[in-house]
């Protein structure tokens, strides 16, 4: 069965741009230009199109939801439909694999299955998934990056969000990518002991159509522990700023 993803790509046709994808990949390719790229959850082929435009000679797109040939931005022979909730294998590896804003659409029990499929196909994975309470269609498993980081760690992959901070202020890139993106790399180091990726919300996710975060804060929907922690954190931050001013003044 291929209908496990309750997602309508047509509803979000204009939410994902080739220009945004090209900006991210241009940055990634500065370190190493791949000869092959796999996009899991490729949708209309936005990122595949960007990769082809940037000179990647071989790309393949996989998605759990149906995609029409007439709407696909690349030759349709590059598309594969797979049940992302089950293990799958294209019987080859790629220089880099992408899985961007896809994992949140799958049930929690499918999370380790998805990651296992990703690491089966590449030693380098660019990954992002919706943060808790991030608005969107059929978001059933929204998690902070550390959740996915831990699963990648089990497979011997280290994770870092350096790319996130490099694209943080690039308005050409959609804000959910700037907020959630990180890189997982196969490593011989002990991945489970690495520092956890920080929990952050991009300011642009608090405005306009994506004001759900701000609305939930104001309506008191977040857990009581969150609200109770805010005054203490604010006071601590104020004291730190006061202390630093005193130290700076005394040293001048």
Protein backbone atom coordinates (compact mmCIF):
# COMPACT_ATOMS: atom_id res chain seq x y z
CA UNK A 1 0.00 0.00 0.00
CA UNK A 2 1.19 3.51 -0.83
CA UNK A 3 -1.50 5.65 0.81
CA UNK A 4 -0.05 5.71 4.33
CA UNK A 5 0.76 9.44 4.08
CA UNK A 6 -2.32 11.62 4.40
CA UNK A 7 -0.80 14.53 2.53
CA UNK A 8 -2.01 16.53 -0.45
CA UNK A 9 0.94 18.06 -2.31
CA UNK A 10 -1.36 20.32 -4.31
CA UNK A 11 -2.37 22.23 -1.17
CA UNK A 12 1.24 23.27 -0.64
CA UNK A 13 2.45 23.75 -4.19
CA UNK A 14 3.64 27.31 -3.58
CA UNK A 15 5.02 26.75 -0.07
CA UNK A 16 8.25 25.17 -1.32
CA UNK A 17 10.42 26.94 -3.88
CA UNK A 18 13.21 25.81 -6.16
CA UNK A 19 15.09 29.01 -5.33
CA UNK A 20 15.05 28.20 -1.61
CA UNK A 21 16.23 24.66 -2.26
CA UNK A 22 18.95 25.92 -4.57
CA UNK A 23 20.21 28.32 -1.88
CA UNK A 24 20.55 25.51 0.67
CA UNK A 25 22.18 23.05 -1.72
CA UNK A 26 24.61 25.66 -3.02
CA UNK A 27 25.88 26.02 0.53
CA UNK A 28 26.09 22.28 1.09
CA UNK A 29 27.88 21.69 -2.22
CA UNK A 30 30.65 24.14 -1.33
CA UNK A 31 32.27 21.40 0.74
CA UNK A 32 31.74 18.60 -1.75
CA UNK A 33 29.79 18.49 -4.98
CA UNK A 34 27.89 15.17 -5.07
CA UNK A 35 27.57 12.95 -8.10
CA UNK A 36 24.31 11.44 -6.84
CA UNK A 37 21.47 12.63 -4.63
CA UNK A 38 18.39 10.96 -3.13
CA UNK A 39 15.42 13.00 -1.91
CA UNK A 40 13.07 11.09 0.40
CA UNK A 41 9.73 12.86 0.53
CA UNK A 42 10.47 14.68 -2.70
CA UNK A 43 6.93 15.89 -3.43
CA UNK A 44 6.84 17.77 -6.73
CA UNK A 45 10.61 17.39 -7.08
CA UNK A 46 11.54 20.89 -5.90
CA UNK A 47 14.88 19.85 -4.39
CA UNK A 48 15.59 17.42 -7.23
CA UNK A 49 15.10 20.24 -9.71
CA UNK A 50 17.48 22.45 -7.72
CA UNK A 51 20.07 19.66 -7.59
CA UNK A 52 19.87 19.11 -11.35
CA UNK A 53 20.19 22.86 -11.94
CA UNK A 54 23.34 22.84 -9.79
CA UNK A 55 24.91 20.10 -11.89
CA UNK A 56 24.24 16.92 -9.93
CA UNK A 57 24.22 14.31 -12.71
CA UNK A 58 22.11 11.66 -10.98
CA UNK A 59 19.08 12.25 -8.74
CA UNK A 60 16.25 10.05 -7.51
CA UNK A 61 13.11 11.10 -5.67
CA UNK A 62 11.01 8.96 -3.32
CA UNK A 63 7.66 9.83 -1.78
CA UNK A 64 4.94 8.01 0.12
CA UNK A 65 2.16 10.16 -1.36
CA UNK A 66 1.06 10.11 -4.97
CA UNK A 67 2.59 12.63 -7.37
CA UNK A 68 1.26 13.25 -10.87
CA UNK A 69 3.63 13.12 -13.80
CA UNK A 70 2.27 16.37 -15.25
CA UNK A 71 3.15 18.28 -12.06
CA UNK A 72 6.56 16.75 -11.43
CA UNK A 73 9.38 19.24 -12.02
CA UNK A 74 11.81 16.61 -13.32
CA UNK A 75 11.61 13.63 -15.67
CA UNK A 76 9.08 11.29 -14.05
CA UNK A 77 11.44 8.34 -14.49
CA UNK A 78 13.35 9.79 -11.51
CA UNK A 79 10.39 9.24 -9.16
CA UNK A 80 9.72 6.21 -6.96
CA UNK A 81 6.69 5.72 -4.73
CA UNK A 82 7.43 3.84 -1.53
CA UNK A 83 5.63 3.17 1.72
CA UNK A 84 7.80 5.25 4.06
CA UNK A 85 6.33 3.50 7.10
CA UNK A 86 7.93 0.25 5.98
CA UNK A 87 11.53 -0.67 5.19
CA UNK A 88 12.54 -0.12 1.58
CA UNK A 89 15.77 -0.39 -0.37
CA UNK A 90 16.74 0.92 -3.81
CA UNK A 91 19.73 -1.44 -3.75
CA UNK A 92 22.29 1.34 -4.16
CA UNK A 93 23.89 4.23 -2.24
CA UNK A 94 24.04 7.97 -2.91
CA UNK A 95 26.59 10.68 -2.12
CA UNK A 96 23.92 12.58 -0.19
CA UNK A 97 20.34 11.94 0.88
CA UNK A 98 17.72 14.54 1.76
CA UNK A 99 14.70 14.12 4.01
CA UNK A 100 13.21 17.55 4.64
CA UNK A 101 9.96 18.27 6.51
CA UNK A 102 8.74 14.73 5.89
CA UNK A 103 9.16 12.73 9.11
CA UNK A 104 6.46 14.63 11.01
CA UNK A 105 3.84 13.25 8.61
CA UNK A 106 4.55 9.65 9.64
CA UNK A 107 3.37 7.99 12.88
CA UNK A 108 5.89 7.74 15.75
CA UNK A 109 6.40 4.02 15.23
CA UNK A 110 7.66 4.76 11.71
CA UNK A 111 10.43 7.12 12.90
CA UNK A 112 13.15 4.46 13.36
CA UNK A 113 12.06 2.78 10.12
CA UNK A 114 12.46 6.00 8.17
CA UNK A 115 15.91 6.71 9.59
CA UNK A 116 17.01 3.13 8.93
CA UNK A 117 16.00 3.54 5.29
CA UNK A 118 17.91 6.81 5.05
CA UNK A 119 21.17 5.46 6.46
CA UNK A 120 20.85 2.43 4.19
CA UNK A 121 21.25 4.77 1.22
CA UNK A 122 23.86 7.37 2.19
CA UNK A 123 26.65 8.29 4.63
CA UNK A 124 25.57 11.96 4.49
CA UNK A 125 21.99 13.02 5.18
CA UNK A 126 20.49 16.50 5.25
CA UNK A 127 17.46 16.24 7.52
CA UNK A 128 14.73 18.44 8.92
CA UNK A 129 11.39 17.72 10.57
CA UNK A 130 8.71 19.88 12.15
CA UNK A 131 9.24 21.04 15.72
CA UNK A 132 6.55 20.50 18.38
CA UNK A 133 3.33 22.38 17.58
CA UNK A 134 4.62 23.51 14.21
CA UNK A 135 1.54 24.13 12.02
CA UNK A 136 1.02 22.00 8.94
CA UNK A 137 -1.08 19.34 7.27
CA UNK A 138 -1.21 15.94 9.00
CA UNK A 139 1.56 16.67 11.51
CA UNK A 140 1.41 13.57 13.70
CA UNK A 141 4.96 13.34 15.08
CA UNK A 142 6.44 16.79 15.62
CA UNK A 143 9.69 16.56 17.59
CA UNK A 144 12.76 18.62 18.48
CA UNK A 145 15.90 17.76 16.49
CA UNK A 146 17.41 15.88 19.43
CA UNK A 147 14.72 13.20 19.02
CA UNK A 148 15.88 12.43 15.49
CA UNK A 149 19.52 12.95 16.46
CA UNK A 150 19.27 10.11 18.98
CA UNK A 151 17.92 7.73 16.34
CA UNK A 152 20.70 8.67 13.92
CA UNK A 153 23.23 8.19 16.74
CA UNK A 154 22.10 4.58 17.15
CA UNK A 155 23.21 3.96 13.57
CA UNK A 156 26.64 5.49 14.16
CA UNK A 157 25.88 8.91 12.68
CA UNK A 158 26.98 12.17 14.26
CA UNK A 159 24.74 15.20 13.85
CA UNK A 160 25.38 18.93 13.71
CA UNK A 161 23.27 21.97 12.91
CA UNK A 162 26.02 24.18 11.47
CA UNK A 163 24.05 24.53 8.24
CA UNK A 164 21.09 25.91 10.15
CA UNK A 165 23.03 28.92 11.38
CA UNK A 166 24.55 29.55 7.96
CA UNK A 167 21.10 29.89 6.39
CA UNK A 168 19.28 31.38 9.42
CA UNK A 169 19.03 34.90 7.95
CA UNK A 170 18.58 33.95 4.28
CA UNK A 171 15.09 35.18 3.37
CA UNK A 172 15.21 33.21 0.10
CA UNK A 173 14.91 30.00 2.12
CA UNK A 174 11.65 28.90 3.71
CA UNK A 175 11.75 29.49 7.50
CA UNK A 176 10.90 25.91 8.50
CA UNK A 177 14.12 24.72 6.85
CA UNK A 178 16.12 27.47 8.54
CA UNK A 179 14.63 26.44 11.87
CA UNK A 180 14.89 22.64 11.71
CA UNK A 181 17.68 21.59 9.35
CA UNK A 182 20.72 19.59 10.45
CA UNK A 183 23.21 17.18 8.97
CA UNK A 184 23.81 13.54 9.93
CA UNK A 185 27.13 11.95 8.93
CA UNK A 186 28.36 8.38 9.35
CA UNK A 187 31.20 8.44 11.86
CA UNK A 188 33.61 6.21 13.73
CA UNK A 189 33.25 8.40 16.83
CA UNK A 190 30.87 7.61 19.69
CA UNK A 191 27.90 9.51 18.37
CA UNK A 192 25.66 9.07 21.41
CA UNK A 193 27.92 11.27 23.55
CA UNK A 194 27.76 14.31 21.26
CA UNK A 195 26.09 17.53 22.34
CA UNK A 196 22.35 17.61 21.73
CA UNK A 197 21.09 19.92 18.99
CA UNK A 198 19.51 23.05 20.44
CA UNK A 199 15.76 23.65 20.51
CA UNK A 200 15.03 26.89 18.66
CA UNK A 201 12.09 28.59 16.98
CA UNK A 202 12.77 30.90 14.06
CA UNK A 203 11.21 34.38 14.49
CA UNK A 204 9.48 34.10 11.11
CA UNK A 205 7.57 31.09 12.42
CA UNK A 206 5.89 33.40 14.96
CA UNK A 207 4.28 35.72 12.43
CA UNK A 208 1.74 35.68 9.63
CA UNK A 209 0.08 32.38 8.80
CA UNK A 210 2.55 30.60 11.07
CA UNK A 211 1.55 32.50 14.22
CA UNK A 212 0.34 29.26 15.83
CA UNK A 213 3.30 29.29 18.23
CA UNK A 214 2.54 32.79 19.45
CA UNK A 215 -1.19 32.04 19.67
CA UNK A 216 -0.65 28.94 21.79
CA UNK A 217 1.66 30.82 24.13
CA UNK A 218 -0.91 33.58 24.62
CA UNK A 219 -3.85 31.18 24.99
CA UNK A 220 -2.10 29.15 27.67
CA UNK A 221 -2.04 25.90 25.70
CA UNK A 222 1.59 25.03 26.43
CA UNK A 223 2.38 22.87 29.49
CA UNK A 224 2.30 24.58 32.90
CA UNK A 225 5.99 23.78 33.39
CA UNK A 226 6.82 25.94 30.36
CA UNK A 227 5.07 29.01 31.79
CA UNK A 228 6.49 28.45 35.27
CA UNK A 229 10.01 28.33 33.88
CA UNK A 230 9.77 31.61 31.95
CA UNK A 231 9.90 34.05 34.94
CA UNK A 232 12.92 32.25 36.40
CA UNK A 233 14.71 32.22 33.05
CA UNK A 234 13.92 35.89 32.48
CA UNK A 235 15.20 36.87 35.95
CA UNK A 236 18.35 34.78 35.45
CA UNK A 237 18.99 36.40 32.07
CA UNK A 238 18.49 39.87 33.58
CA UNK A 239 20.93 39.11 36.40
CA UNK A 240 23.51 37.81 33.92
CA UNK A 241 23.26 41.01 31.89
CA UNK A 242 23.58 43.10 35.07
CA UNK A 243 26.58 41.08 36.22
CA UNK A 244 28.32 41.44 32.86
CA UNK A 245 27.80 45.20 32.92
CA UNK A 246 29.37 45.41 36.38
CA UNK A 247 32.35 43.28 35.32
CA UNK A 248 32.83 45.37 32.17
CA UNK A 249 32.65 48.63 34.09
CA UNK A 250 35.09 47.49 36.75
CA UNK A 251 37.60 46.39 34.13
CA UNK A 252 37.55 49.64 32.20
